[in-house]
């Protein structure tokens, strides 16, 4: 993934290392995905796979990569998600299956302000 501005949305199957990746077997995530996301700093990174990690946080890209507290899902309404390009990324674990492997998790409908061309 490029290390420059302009990437709006990234989708991967699994989570980046340390972000919404905790399950009964510990942290199940990918260091390579984290490195790519750190370089690209997209407005949103959407992933799934780890059912227990369902939810969303906004990450502030600084030396410590701070995560803000969990955001509440307003499904079926879209949620306004102000994200500062290059400085923040909305991390969404959109796993539909819950911890019992049942399709009970609500969809996320983020409303992102994308740059106009």
PDB file of N, CA and C in Angstrom:
ATOM      1  N   UNK A   1       0.844  -1.178   0.000  1.00  0.00           N
ATOM      2  CA  UNK A   1       0.000   0.000   0.000  1.00  0.00           C
ATOM      3  C   UNK A   1       0.890   1.243   0.000  1.00  0.00           C
ATOM      4  N   UNK A   2       0.488   2.268  -0.716  1.00  0.00           N
ATOM      5  CA  UNK A   2       1.330   3.461  -0.800  1.00  0.00           C
ATOM      6  C   UNK A   2       1.434   4.195   0.535  1.00  0.00           C
ATOM      7  N   UNK A   3       2.528   4.903   0.706  1.00  0.00           N
ATOM      8  CA  UNK A   3       2.729   5.687   1.912  1.00  0.00           C
ATOM      9  C   UNK A   3       2.467   7.156   1.667  1.00  0.00           C
ATOM     10  N   UNK A   4       1.368   7.466   1.023  1.00  0.00           N
ATOM     11  CA  UNK A   4       1.043   8.861   0.759  1.00  0.00           C
ATOM     12  C   UNK A   4      -0.449   9.085   0.918  1.00  0.00           C
ATOM     13  N   UNK A   5      -0.823  10.343   1.032  1.00  0.00           N
ATOM     14  CA  UNK A   5      -2.237  10.687   1.220  1.00  0.00           C
ATOM     15  C   UNK A   5      -3.049  10.297  -0.007  1.00  0.00           C
ATOM     16  N   UNK A   6      -4.332  10.108   0.201  1.00  0.00           N
ATOM     17  CA  UNK A   6      -5.208   9.824  -0.917  1.00  0.00           C
ATOM     18  C   UNK A   6      -5.933   8.499  -0.817  1.00  0.00           C
ATOM     19  N   UNK A   7      -5.583   7.665   0.149  1.00  0.00           N
ATOM     20  CA  UNK A   7      -6.290   6.403   0.342  1.00  0.00           C
ATOM     21  C   UNK A   7      -7.457   6.680   1.279  1.00  0.00           C
ATOM     22  N   UNK A   8      -8.670   6.485   0.782  1.00  0.00           N
ATOM     23  CA  UNK A   8      -9.849   6.774   1.596  1.00  0.00           C
ATOM     24  C   UNK A   8     -10.303   5.574   2.415  1.00  0.00           C
ATOM     25  N   UNK A   9     -10.447   4.406   1.776  1.00  0.00           N
ATOM     26  CA  UNK A   9     -10.985   3.226   2.449  1.00  0.00           C
ATOM     27  C   UNK A   9     -10.134   2.010   2.112  1.00  0.00           C
ATOM     28  N   UNK A  10      -9.813   1.226   3.128  1.00  0.00           N
ATOM     29  CA  UNK A  10      -9.104  -0.042   2.956  1.00  0.00           C
ATOM     30  C   UNK A  10      -9.977  -1.135   3.553  1.00  0.00           C
ATOM     31  N   UNK A  11     -10.084  -2.257   2.838  1.00  0.00           N
ATOM     32  CA  UNK A  11     -10.814  -3.413   3.360  1.00  0.00           C
ATOM     33  C   UNK A  11      -9.889  -4.619   3.338  1.00  0.00           C
ATOM     34  N   UNK A  12      -9.824  -5.325   4.470  1.00  0.00           N
ATOM     35  CA  UNK A  12      -9.064  -6.567   4.558  1.00  0.00           C
ATOM     36  C   UNK A  12      -9.931  -7.601   5.263  1.00  0.00           C
ATOM     37  N   UNK A  13      -9.535  -8.852   5.149  1.00  0.00           N
ATOM     38  CA  UNK A  13     -10.309  -9.905   5.813  1.00  0.00           C
ATOM     39  C   UNK A  13     -10.134  -9.831   7.331  1.00  0.00           C
ATOM     40  N   UNK A  14      -8.897  -9.698   7.776  1.00  0.00           N
ATOM     41  CA  UNK A  14      -8.609  -9.679   9.207  1.00  0.00           C
ATOM     42  C   UNK A  14      -8.115  -8.330   9.685  1.00  0.00           C
ATOM     43  N   UNK A  15      -7.956  -8.186  11.014  1.00  0.00           N
ATOM     44  CA  UNK A  15      -7.563  -6.906  11.604  1.00  0.00           C
ATOM     45  C   UNK A  15      -6.056  -6.667  11.604  1.00  0.00           C
ATOM     46  N   UNK A  16      -5.682  -5.395  11.735  1.00  0.00           N
ATOM     47  CA  UNK A  16      -4.277  -5.082  11.956  1.00  0.00           C
ATOM     48  C   UNK A  16      -3.892  -5.443  13.389  1.00  0.00           C
ATOM     49  N   UNK A  17      -2.622  -5.700  13.603  1.00  0.00           N
ATOM     50  CA  UNK A  17      -2.134  -6.122  14.919  1.00  0.00           C
ATOM     51  C   UNK A  17      -2.538  -5.133  16.008  1.00  0.00           C
ATOM     52  N   UNK A  18      -3.190  -5.663  17.048  1.00  0.00           N
ATOM     53  CA  UNK A  18      -3.511  -4.874  18.227  1.00  0.00           C
ATOM     54  C   UNK A  18      -4.783  -4.051  18.154  1.00  0.00           C
ATOM     55  N   UNK A  19      -5.532  -4.152  17.056  1.00  0.00           N
ATOM     56  CA  UNK A  19      -6.735  -3.330  16.913  1.00  0.00           C
ATOM     57  C   UNK A  19      -7.950  -4.229  16.715  1.00  0.00           C
ATOM     58  N   UNK A  20      -8.832  -4.258  17.713  1.00  0.00           N
ATOM     59  CA  UNK A  20     -10.075  -5.035  17.668  1.00  0.00           C
ATOM     60  C   UNK A  20      -9.805  -6.476  17.247  1.00  0.00           C
ATOM     61  N   UNK A  21      -8.730  -7.050  17.814  1.00  0.00           N
ATOM     62  CA  UNK A  21      -8.262  -8.373  17.391  1.00  0.00           C
ATOM     63  C   UNK A  21      -8.255  -9.419  18.499  1.00  0.00           C
ATOM     64  N   UNK A  22      -8.780  -9.074  19.660  1.00  0.00           N
ATOM     65  CA  UNK A  22      -8.687  -9.995  20.793  1.00  0.00           C
ATOM     66  C   UNK A  22      -9.824 -11.012  20.765  1.00  0.00           C
ATOM     67  N   UNK A  23      -9.447 -12.279  20.971  1.00  0.00           N
ATOM     68  CA  UNK A  23     -10.434 -13.354  21.033  1.00  0.00           C
ATOM     69  C   UNK A  23      -9.990 -14.354  22.093  1.00  0.00           C
ATOM     70  N   UNK A  24     -10.729 -15.445  22.228  1.00  0.00           N
ATOM     71  CA  UNK A  24     -10.429 -16.415  23.289  1.00  0.00           C
ATOM     72  C   UNK A  24      -9.028 -17.003  23.157  1.00  0.00           C
ATOM     73  N   UNK A  25      -8.458 -16.985  21.962  1.00  0.00           N
ATOM     74  CA  UNK A  25      -7.111 -17.500  21.734  1.00  0.00           C
ATOM     75  C   UNK A  25      -6.047 -16.407  21.806  1.00  0.00           C
ATOM     76  N   UNK A  26      -6.390 -15.250  22.342  1.00  0.00           N
ATOM     77  CA  UNK A  26      -5.461 -14.129  22.423  1.00  0.00           C
ATOM     78  C   UNK A  26      -5.660 -13.172  21.264  1.00  0.00           C
ATOM     79  N   UNK A  27      -4.620 -12.459  20.911  1.00  0.00           N
ATOM     80  CA  UNK A  27      -4.695 -11.511  19.796  1.00  0.00           C
ATOM     81  C   UNK A  27      -4.435 -12.264  18.496  1.00  0.00           C
ATOM     82  N   UNK A  28      -5.357 -12.138  17.558  1.00  0.00           N
ATOM     83  CA  UNK A  28      -5.248 -12.803  16.255  1.00  0.00           C
ATOM     84  C   UNK A  28      -5.295 -11.731  15.180  1.00  0.00           C
ATOM     85  N   UNK A  29      -4.138 -11.300  14.740  1.00  0.00           N
ATOM     86  CA  UNK A  29      -4.091 -10.182  13.799  1.00  0.00           C
ATOM     87  C   UNK A  29      -2.799 -10.229  13.002  1.00  0.00           C
ATOM     88  N   UNK A  30      -2.570  -9.195  12.209  1.00  0.00           N
ATOM     89  CA  UNK A  30      -1.450  -9.209  11.278  1.00  0.00           C
ATOM     90  C   UNK A  30      -0.597  -7.941  11.395  1.00  0.00           C
ATOM     91  N   UNK A  31       0.674  -8.138  11.664  1.00  0.00           N
ATOM     92  CA  UNK A  31       1.639  -7.040  11.746  1.00  0.00           C
ATOM     93  C   UNK A  31       1.807  -6.353  10.385  1.00  0.00           C
ATOM     94  N   UNK A  32       1.774  -7.127   9.297  1.00  0.00           N
ATOM     95  CA  UNK A  32       1.926  -6.543   7.956  1.00  0.00           C
ATOM     96  C   UNK A  32       0.772  -5.608   7.618  1.00  0.00           C
ATOM     97  N   UNK A  33      -0.443  -5.992   8.002  1.00  0.00           N
ATOM     98  CA  UNK A  33      -1.590  -5.106   7.765  1.00  0.00           C
ATOM     99  C   UNK A  33      -1.417  -3.822   8.565  1.00  0.00           C
ATOM    100  N   UNK A  34      -0.976  -3.929   9.818  1.00  0.00           N
ATOM    101  CA  UNK A  34      -0.766  -2.731  10.638  1.00  0.00           C
ATOM    102  C   UNK A  34       0.257  -1.806   9.982  1.00  0.00           C
ATOM    103  N   UNK A  35       1.369  -2.354   9.495  1.00  0.00           N
ATOM    104  CA  UNK A  35       2.388  -1.515   8.842  1.00  0.00           C
ATOM    105  C   UNK A  35       1.816  -0.808   7.615  1.00  0.00           C
ATOM    106  N   UNK A  36       1.038  -1.531   6.818  1.00  0.00           N
ATOM    107  CA  UNK A  36       0.447  -0.931   5.614  1.00  0.00           C
ATOM    108  C   UNK A  36      -0.544   0.173   5.973  1.00  0.00           C
ATOM    109  N   UNK A  37      -1.365  -0.060   6.988  1.00  0.00           N
ATOM    110  CA  UNK A  37      -2.355   0.938   7.407  1.00  0.00           C
ATOM    111  C   UNK A  37      -1.658   2.165   7.986  1.00  0.00           C
ATOM    112  N   UNK A  38      -0.586   1.957   8.740  1.00  0.00           N
ATOM    113  CA  UNK A  38       0.177   3.093   9.282  1.00  0.00           C
ATOM    114  C   UNK A  38       0.747   3.950   8.156  1.00  0.00           C
ATOM    115  N   UNK A  39       1.208   3.319   7.082  1.00  0.00           N
ATOM    116  CA  UNK A  39       1.759   4.073   5.941  1.00  0.00           C
ATOM    117  C   UNK A  39       0.678   4.841   5.205  1.00  0.00           C
ATOM    118  N   UNK A  40      -0.426   4.166   4.908  1.00  0.00           N
ATOM    119  CA  UNK A  40      -1.475   4.771   4.081  1.00  0.00           C
ATOM    120  C   UNK A  40      -2.365   5.738   4.856  1.00  0.00           C
ATOM    121  N   UNK A  41      -2.574   5.470   6.142  1.00  0.00           N
ATOM    122  CA  UNK A  41      -3.462   6.289   6.980  1.00  0.00           C
ATOM    123  C   UNK A  41      -4.789   6.606   6.283  1.00  0.00           C
ATOM    124  N   UNK A  42      -5.551   5.572   5.923  1.00  0.00           N
ATOM    125  CA  UNK A  42      -6.832   5.814   5.256  1.00  0.00           C
ATOM    126  C   UNK A  42      -7.837   6.449   6.205  1.00  0.00           C
ATOM    127  N   UNK A  43      -8.909   6.981   5.654  1.00  0.00           N
ATOM    128  CA  UNK A  43      -9.982   7.506   6.503  1.00  0.00           C
ATOM    129  C   UNK A  43     -10.648   6.369   7.271  1.00  0.00           C
ATOM    130  N   UNK A  44     -10.806   5.202   6.597  1.00  0.00           N
ATOM    131  CA  UNK A  44     -11.445   4.064   7.254  1.00  0.00           C
ATOM    132  C   UNK A  44     -10.767   2.767   6.839  1.00  0.00           C
ATOM    133  N   UNK A  45     -10.586   1.876   7.817  1.00  0.00           N
ATOM    134  CA  UNK A  45     -10.136   0.509   7.545  1.00  0.00           C
ATOM    135  C   UNK A  45     -11.226  -0.412   8.065  1.00  0.00           C
ATOM    136  N   UNK A  46     -11.821  -1.181   7.154  1.00  0.00           N
ATOM    137  CA  UNK A  46     -12.907  -2.096   7.505  1.00  0.00           C
ATOM    138  C   UNK A  46     -12.398  -3.528   7.383  1.00  0.00           C
ATOM    139  N   UNK A  47     -12.679  -4.336   8.391  1.00  0.00           N
ATOM    140  CA  UNK A  47     -12.237  -5.731   8.411  1.00  0.00           C
ATOM    141  C   UNK A  47     -13.224  -6.533   9.237  1.00  0.00           C
ATOM    142  N   UNK A  48     -12.960  -7.800   9.404  1.00  0.00           N
ATOM    143  CA  UNK A  48     -13.831  -8.669  10.197  1.00  0.00           C
ATOM    144  C   UNK A  48     -13.020  -9.812  10.763  1.00  0.00           C
ATOM    145  N   UNK A  49     -13.503 -11.020  10.580  1.00  0.00           N
ATOM    146  CA  UNK A  49     -12.862 -12.280  10.951  1.00  0.00           C
ATOM    147  C   UNK A  49     -12.857 -12.547  12.454  1.00  0.00           C
ATOM    148  N   UNK A  50     -12.465 -11.595  13.274  1.00  0.00           N
ATOM    149  CA  UNK A  50     -12.435 -11.799  14.727  1.00  0.00           C
ATOM    150  C   UNK A  50     -13.773 -11.341  15.288  1.00  0.00           C
ATOM    151  N   UNK A  51     -14.670 -12.297  15.507  1.00  0.00           N
ATOM    152  CA  UNK A  51     -16.038 -11.984  15.933  1.00  0.00           C
ATOM    153  C   UNK A  51     -16.069 -11.222  17.252  1.00  0.00           C
ATOM    154  N   UNK A  52     -15.198 -11.600  18.178  1.00  0.00           N
ATOM    155  CA  UNK A  52     -15.184 -10.949  19.493  1.00  0.00           C
ATOM    156  C   UNK A  52     -14.736  -9.492  19.420  1.00  0.00           C
ATOM    157  N   UNK A  53     -14.078  -9.109  18.342  1.00  0.00           N
ATOM    158  CA  UNK A  53     -13.585  -7.742  18.191  1.00  0.00           C
ATOM    159  C   UNK A  53     -14.565  -6.795  17.527  1.00  0.00           C
ATOM    160  N   UNK A  54     -15.797  -7.259  17.280  1.00  0.00           N
ATOM    161  CA  UNK A  54     -16.812  -6.435  16.614  1.00  0.00           C
ATOM    162  C   UNK A  54     -16.902  -5.053  17.265  1.00  0.00           C
ATOM    163  N   UNK A  55     -16.939  -4.029  16.431  1.00  0.00           N
ATOM    164  CA  UNK A  55     -17.077  -2.661  16.927  1.00  0.00           C
ATOM    165  C   UNK A  55     -16.173  -1.718  16.163  1.00  0.00           C
ATOM    166  N   UNK A  56     -16.119  -0.495  16.628  1.00  0.00           N
ATOM    167  CA  UNK A  56     -15.305   0.505  15.930  1.00  0.00           C
ATOM    168  C   UNK A  56     -14.657   1.481  16.906  1.00  0.00           C
ATOM    169  N   UNK A  57     -13.486   1.923  16.527  1.00  0.00           N
ATOM    170  CA  UNK A  57     -12.740   2.949  17.252  1.00  0.00           C
ATOM    171  C   UNK A  57     -12.125   3.886  16.228  1.00  0.00           C
ATOM    172  N   UNK A  58     -11.850   5.096  16.661  1.00  0.00           N
ATOM    173  CA  UNK A  58     -11.083   6.018  15.826  1.00  0.00           C
ATOM    174  C   UNK A  58      -9.666   6.032  16.377  1.00  0.00           C
ATOM    175  N   UNK A  59      -8.688   5.800  15.505  1.00  0.00           N
ATOM    176  CA  UNK A  59      -7.280   5.801  15.889  1.00  0.00           C
ATOM    177  C   UNK A  59      -6.682   7.155  15.535  1.00  0.00           C
ATOM    178  N   UNK A  60      -5.970   7.738  16.479  1.00  0.00           N
ATOM    179  CA  UNK A  60      -5.239   8.984  16.251  1.00  0.00           C
ATOM    180  C   UNK A  60      -3.783   8.598  16.014  1.00  0.00           C
ATOM    181  N   UNK A  61      -3.272   8.950  14.837  1.00  0.00           N
ATOM    182  CA  UNK A  61      -1.908   8.584  14.478  1.00  0.00           C
ATOM    183  C   UNK A  61      -0.922   9.558  15.110  1.00  0.00           C
ATOM    184  N   UNK A  62      -0.350   9.143  16.198  1.00  0.00           N
ATOM    185  CA  UNK A  62       0.743   9.880  16.827  1.00  0.00           C
ATOM    186  C   UNK A  62       1.784   8.845  17.215  1.00  0.00           C
ATOM    187  N   UNK A  63       2.735   9.195  18.014  1.00  0.00           N
ATOM    188  CA  UNK A  63       3.785   8.241  18.380  1.00  0.00           C
ATOM    189  C   UNK A  63       3.250   7.015  19.107  1.00  0.00           C
ATOM    190  N   UNK A  64       2.120   7.163  19.802  1.00  0.00           N
ATOM    191  CA  UNK A  64       1.574   6.057  20.581  1.00  0.00           C
ATOM    192  C   UNK A  64       0.400   5.362  19.894  1.00  0.00           C
ATOM    193  N   UNK A  65      -0.085   5.872  18.768  1.00  0.00           N
ATOM    194  CA  UNK A  65      -1.238   5.318  18.057  1.00  0.00           C
ATOM    195  C   UNK A  65      -2.415   5.150  19.023  1.00  0.00           C
ATOM    196  N   UNK A  66      -2.913   6.258  19.525  1.00  0.00           N
ATOM    197  CA  UNK A  66      -3.992   6.240  20.514  1.00  0.00           C
ATOM    198  C   UNK A  66      -5.315   5.841  19.888  1.00  0.00           C
ATOM    199  N   UNK A  67      -6.059   5.006  20.599  1.00  0.00           N
ATOM    200  CA  UNK A  67      -7.398   4.640  20.170  1.00  0.00           C
ATOM    201  C   UNK A  67      -8.423   5.313  21.051  1.00  0.00           C
ATOM    202  N   UNK A  68      -9.387   5.973  20.439  1.00  0.00           N
ATOM    203  CA  UNK A  68     -10.468   6.566  21.219  1.00  0.00           C
ATOM    204  C   UNK A  68     -11.410   5.464  21.665  1.00  0.00           C
ATOM    205  N   UNK A  69     -12.256   5.766  22.626  1.00  0.00           N
ATOM    206  CA  UNK A  69     -13.174   4.765  23.157  1.00  0.00           C
ATOM    207  C   UNK A  69     -14.118   4.253  22.076  1.00  0.00           C
ATOM    208  N   UNK A  70     -14.729   3.104  22.354  1.00  0.00           N
ATOM    209  CA  UNK A  70     -15.656   2.486  21.406  1.00  0.00           C
ATOM    210  C   UNK A  70     -16.730   3.474  20.978  1.00  0.00           C
ATOM    211  N   UNK A  71     -17.092   3.411  19.712  1.00  0.00           N
ATOM    212  CA  UNK A  71     -18.184   4.219  19.188  1.00  0.00           C
ATOM    213  C   UNK A  71     -19.439   3.355  19.157  1.00  0.00           C
ATOM    214  N   UNK A  72     -20.582   3.964  19.343  1.00  0.00           N
ATOM    215  CA  UNK A  72     -21.852   3.246  19.418  1.00  0.00           C
ATOM    216  C   UNK A  72     -22.463   3.134  18.025  1.00  0.00           C
ATOM    217  N   UNK A  73     -22.981   1.956  17.716  1.00  0.00           N
ATOM    218  CA  UNK A  73     -23.609   1.704  16.424  1.00  0.00           C
ATOM    219  C   UNK A  73     -25.048   2.200  16.448  1.00  0.00           C
ATOM    220  N   UNK A  74     -25.387   3.105  15.536  1.00  0.00           N
ATOM    221  CA  UNK A  74     -26.744   3.657  15.447  1.00  0.00           C
ATOM    222  C   UNK A  74     -27.588   2.947  14.393  1.00  0.00           C
ATOM    223  N   UNK A  75     -27.192   1.745  14.002  1.00  0.00           N
ATOM    224  CA  UNK A  75     -27.930   1.007  12.971  1.00  0.00           C
ATOM    225  C   UNK A  75     -29.412   0.992  13.298  1.00  0.00           C
ATOM    226  N   UNK A  76     -30.306   1.258  12.351  1.00  0.00           N
ATOM    227  CA  UNK A  76     -30.090   1.333  10.906  1.00  0.00           C
ATOM    228  C   UNK A  76     -29.769   2.732  10.386  1.00  0.00           C
ATOM    229  N   UNK A  77     -29.540   3.693  11.262  1.00  0.00           N
ATOM    230  CA  UNK A  77     -29.185   5.046  10.798  1.00  0.00           C
ATOM    231  C   UNK A  77     -27.696   5.113  10.481  1.00  0.00           C
ATOM    232  N   UNK A  78     -27.363   5.925   9.493  1.00  0.00           N
ATOM    233  CA  UNK A  78     -25.954   6.180   9.193  1.00  0.00           C
ATOM    234  C   UNK A  78     -25.370   7.024  10.318  1.00  0.00           C
ATOM    235  N   UNK A  79     -24.092   6.848  10.560  1.00  0.00           N
ATOM    236  CA  UNK A  79     -23.407   7.584  11.619  1.00  0.00           C
ATOM    237  C   UNK A  79     -22.437   8.568  10.984  1.00  0.00           C
ATOM    238  N   UNK A  80     -22.514   9.833  11.394  1.00  0.00           N
ATOM    239  CA  UNK A  80     -21.528  10.804  10.932  1.00  0.00           C
ATOM    240  C   UNK A  80     -20.213  10.509  11.627  1.00  0.00           C
ATOM    241  N   UNK A  81     -19.174  10.331  10.843  1.00  0.00           N
ATOM    242  CA  UNK A  81     -17.869   9.971  11.371  1.00  0.00           C
ATOM    243  C   UNK A  81     -16.831  10.986  10.929  1.00  0.00           C
ATOM    244  N   UNK A  82     -16.677  12.081  11.667  1.00  0.00           N
ATOM    245  CA  UNK A  82     -15.640  13.037  11.280  1.00  0.00           C
ATOM    246  C   UNK A  82     -14.252  12.434  11.515  1.00  0.00           C
ATOM    247  N   UNK A  83     -13.457  12.378  10.458  1.00  0.00           N
ATOM    248  CA  UNK A  83     -12.109  11.818  10.523  1.00  0.00           C
ATOM    249  C   UNK A  83     -11.169  12.813   9.862  1.00  0.00           C
ATOM    250  N   UNK A  84     -10.103  13.161  10.547  1.00  0.00           N
ATOM    251  CA  UNK A  84      -9.139  14.115  10.003  1.00  0.00           C
ATOM    252  C   UNK A  84      -8.150  13.378   9.096  1.00  0.00           C
ATOM    253  N   UNK A  85      -8.190  13.658   7.783  1.00  0.00           N
ATOM    254  CA  UNK A  85      -7.337  12.940   6.833  1.00  0.00           C
ATOM    255  C   UNK A  85      -5.861  12.993   7.214  1.00  0.00           C
ATOM    256  N   UNK A  86      -5.217  11.821   7.158  1.00  0.00           N
ATOM    257  CA  UNK A  86      -3.796  11.717   7.458  1.00  0.00           C
ATOM    258  C   UNK A  86      -3.460  11.694   8.930  1.00  0.00           C
ATOM    259  N   UNK A  87      -4.423  12.034   9.788  1.00  0.00           N
ATOM    260  CA  UNK A  87      -4.166  12.089  11.232  1.00  0.00           C
ATOM    261  C   UNK A  87      -4.997  11.092  12.022  1.00  0.00           C
ATOM    262  N   UNK A  88      -6.100  10.609  11.425  1.00  0.00           N
ATOM    263  CA  UNK A  88      -6.993   9.681  12.116  1.00  0.00           C
ATOM    264  C   UNK A  88      -7.490   8.626  11.127  1.00  0.00           C
ATOM    265  N   UNK A  89      -7.823   7.458  11.656  1.00  0.00           N
ATOM    266  CA  UNK A  89      -8.434   6.394  10.858  1.00  0.00           C
ATOM    267  C   UNK A  89      -9.545   5.765  11.669  1.00  0.00           C
ATOM    268  N   UNK A  90     -10.692   5.588  11.045  1.00  0.00           N
ATOM    269  CA  UNK A  90     -11.801   4.876  11.662  1.00  0.00           C
ATOM    270  C   UNK A  90     -11.560   3.388  11.432  1.00  0.00           C
ATOM    271  N   UNK A  91     -11.402   2.625  12.514  1.00  0.00           N
ATOM    272  CA  UNK A  91     -11.174   1.181  12.442  1.00  0.00           C
ATOM    273  C   UNK A  91     -12.488   0.476  12.729  1.00  0.00           C
ATOM    274  N   UNK A  92     -12.993  -0.286  11.758  1.00  0.00           N
ATOM    275  CA  UNK A  92     -14.292  -0.948  11.896  1.00  0.00           C
ATOM    276  C   UNK A  92     -14.126  -2.455  11.771  1.00  0.00           C
ATOM    277  N   UNK A  93     -14.374  -3.174  12.870  1.00  0.00           N
ATOM    278  CA  UNK A  93     -14.491  -4.627  12.796  1.00  0.00           C
ATOM    279  C   UNK A  93     -15.969  -4.895  12.545  1.00  0.00           C
ATOM    280  N   UNK A  94     -16.298  -5.207  11.307  1.00  0.00           N
ATOM    281  CA  UNK A  94     -17.692  -5.345  10.883  1.00  0.00           C
ATOM    282  C   UNK A  94     -18.161  -6.797  10.860  1.00  0.00           C
ATOM    283  N   UNK A  95     -17.565  -7.648  11.693  1.00  0.00           N
ATOM    284  CA  UNK A  95     -17.963  -9.062  11.731  1.00  0.00           C
ATOM    285  C   UNK A  95     -19.453  -9.173  12.035  1.00  0.00           C
ATOM    286  N   UNK A  96     -20.188  -9.817  11.160  1.00  0.00           N
ATOM    287  CA  UNK A  96     -21.627  -9.998  11.352  1.00  0.00           C
ATOM    288  C   UNK A  96     -21.898 -11.108  12.370  1.00  0.00           C
ATOM    289  N   UNK A  97     -21.046 -12.127  12.396  1.00  0.00           N
ATOM    290  CA  UNK A  97     -21.219 -13.231  13.343  1.00  0.00           C
ATOM    291  C   UNK A  97     -20.814 -12.793  14.745  1.00  0.00           C
ATOM    292  N   UNK A  98     -21.581 -13.230  15.742  1.00  0.00           N
ATOM    293  CA  UNK A  98     -21.231 -12.924  17.127  1.00  0.00           C
ATOM    294  C   UNK A  98     -20.310 -14.018  17.676  1.00  0.00           C
ATOM    295  N   UNK A  99     -20.034 -13.966  18.968  1.00  0.00           N
ATOM    296  CA  UNK A  99     -19.109 -14.917  19.585  1.00  0.00           C
ATOM    297  C   UNK A  99     -19.613 -16.355  19.552  1.00  0.00           C
ATOM    298  N   UNK A 100     -20.919 -16.549  19.377  1.00  0.00           N
ATOM    299  CA  UNK A 100     -21.492 -17.898  19.276  1.00  0.00           C
ATOM    300  C   UNK A 100     -21.663 -18.315  17.811  1.00  0.00           C
ATOM    301  N   UNK A 101     -21.042 -17.582  16.901  1.00  0.00           N
ATOM    302  CA  UNK A 101     -21.098 -17.849  15.459  1.00  0.00           C
ATOM    303  C   UNK A 101     -22.515 -17.752  14.901  1.00  0.00           C
ATOM    304  N   UNK A 102     -23.282 -16.817  15.435  1.00  0.00           N
ATOM    305  CA  UNK A 102     -24.624 -16.520  14.938  1.00  0.00           C
ATOM    306  C   UNK A 102     -24.601 -15.128  14.294  1.00  0.00           C
ATOM    307  N   UNK A 103     -25.338 -14.914  13.195  1.00  0.00           N
ATOM    308  CA  UNK A 103     -25.309 -13.616  12.506  1.00  0.00           C
ATOM    309  C   UNK A 103     -26.162 -12.567  13.223  1.00  0.00           C
ATOM    310  N   UNK A 104     -25.700 -12.117  14.388  1.00  0.00           N
ATOM    311  CA  UNK A 104     -26.466 -11.195  15.232  1.00  0.00           C
ATOM    312  C   UNK A 104     -25.912  -9.781  15.302  1.00  0.00           C
ATOM    313  N   UNK A 105     -24.703  -9.541  14.812  1.00  0.00           N
ATOM    314  CA  UNK A 105     -24.122  -8.198  14.898  1.00  0.00           C
ATOM    315  C   UNK A 105     -24.694  -7.302  13.805  1.00  0.00           C
ATOM    316  N   UNK A 106     -25.071  -6.108  14.188  1.00  0.00           N
ATOM    317  CA  UNK A 106     -25.651  -5.149  13.238  1.00  0.00           C
ATOM    318  C   UNK A 106     -24.584  -4.627  12.275  1.00  0.00           C
ATOM    319  N   UNK A 107     -25.025  -4.253  11.101  1.00  0.00           N
ATOM    320  CA  UNK A 107     -24.131  -3.635  10.118  1.00  0.00           C
ATOM    321  C   UNK A 107     -23.725  -2.242  10.584  1.00  0.00           C
ATOM    322  N   UNK A 108     -22.567  -1.792  10.153  1.00  0.00           N
ATOM    323  CA  UNK A 108     -22.108  -0.425  10.401  1.00  0.00           C
ATOM    324  C   UNK A 108     -22.378   0.382   9.145  1.00  0.00           C
ATOM    325  N   UNK A 109     -22.959   1.554   9.306  1.00  0.00           N
ATOM    326  CA  UNK A 109     -23.206   2.445   8.169  1.00  0.00           C
ATOM    327  C   UNK A 109     -22.533   3.785   8.472  1.00  0.00           C
ATOM    328  N   UNK A 110     -21.217   3.878   8.182  1.00  0.00           N
ATOM    329  CA  UNK A 110     -20.516   5.138   8.439  1.00  0.00           C
ATOM    330  C   UNK A 110     -20.786   6.143   7.330  1.00  0.00           C
ATOM    331  N   UNK A 111     -20.873   7.387   7.708  1.00  0.00           N
ATOM    332  CA  UNK A 111     -21.031   8.487   6.763  1.00  0.00           C
ATOM    333  C   UNK A 111     -19.742   9.296   6.823  1.00  0.00           C
ATOM    334  N   UNK A 112     -18.845   9.045   5.880  1.00  0.00           N
ATOM    335  CA  UNK A 112     -17.553   9.725   5.854  1.00  0.00           C
ATOM    336  C   UNK A 112     -17.583  10.870   4.852  1.00  0.00           C
ATOM    337  N   UNK A 113     -16.935  11.956   5.198  1.00  0.00           N
ATOM    338  CA  UNK A 113     -16.785  13.067   4.255  1.00  0.00           C
ATOM    339  C   UNK A 113     -15.531  12.804   3.433  1.00  0.00           C
ATOM    340  N   UNK A 114     -15.747  12.488   2.165  1.00  0.00           N
ATOM    341  CA  UNK A 114     -14.633  12.214   1.269  1.00  0.00           C
ATOM    342  C   UNK A 114     -14.260  13.481   0.517  1.00  0.00           C
ATOM    343  N   UNK A 115     -12.980  13.620   0.167  1.00  0.00           N
ATOM    344  CA  UNK A 115     -12.573  14.811  -0.583  1.00  0.00           C
ATOM    345  C   UNK A 115     -13.231  14.818  -1.955  1.00  0.00           C
ATOM    346  N   UNK A 116     -13.598  15.994  -2.412  1.00  0.00           N
ATOM    347  CA  UNK A 116     -14.193  16.101  -3.749  1.00  0.00           C
ATOM    348  C   UNK A 116     -13.080  16.184  -4.785  1.00  0.00           C
ATOM    349  N   UNK A 117     -13.372  15.700  -5.971  1.00  0.00           N
ATOM    350  CA  UNK A 117     -12.334  15.704  -7.016  1.00  0.00           C
ATOM    351  C   UNK A 117     -12.419  16.942  -7.874  1.00  0.00           C
TER     352      UNK A 117
END
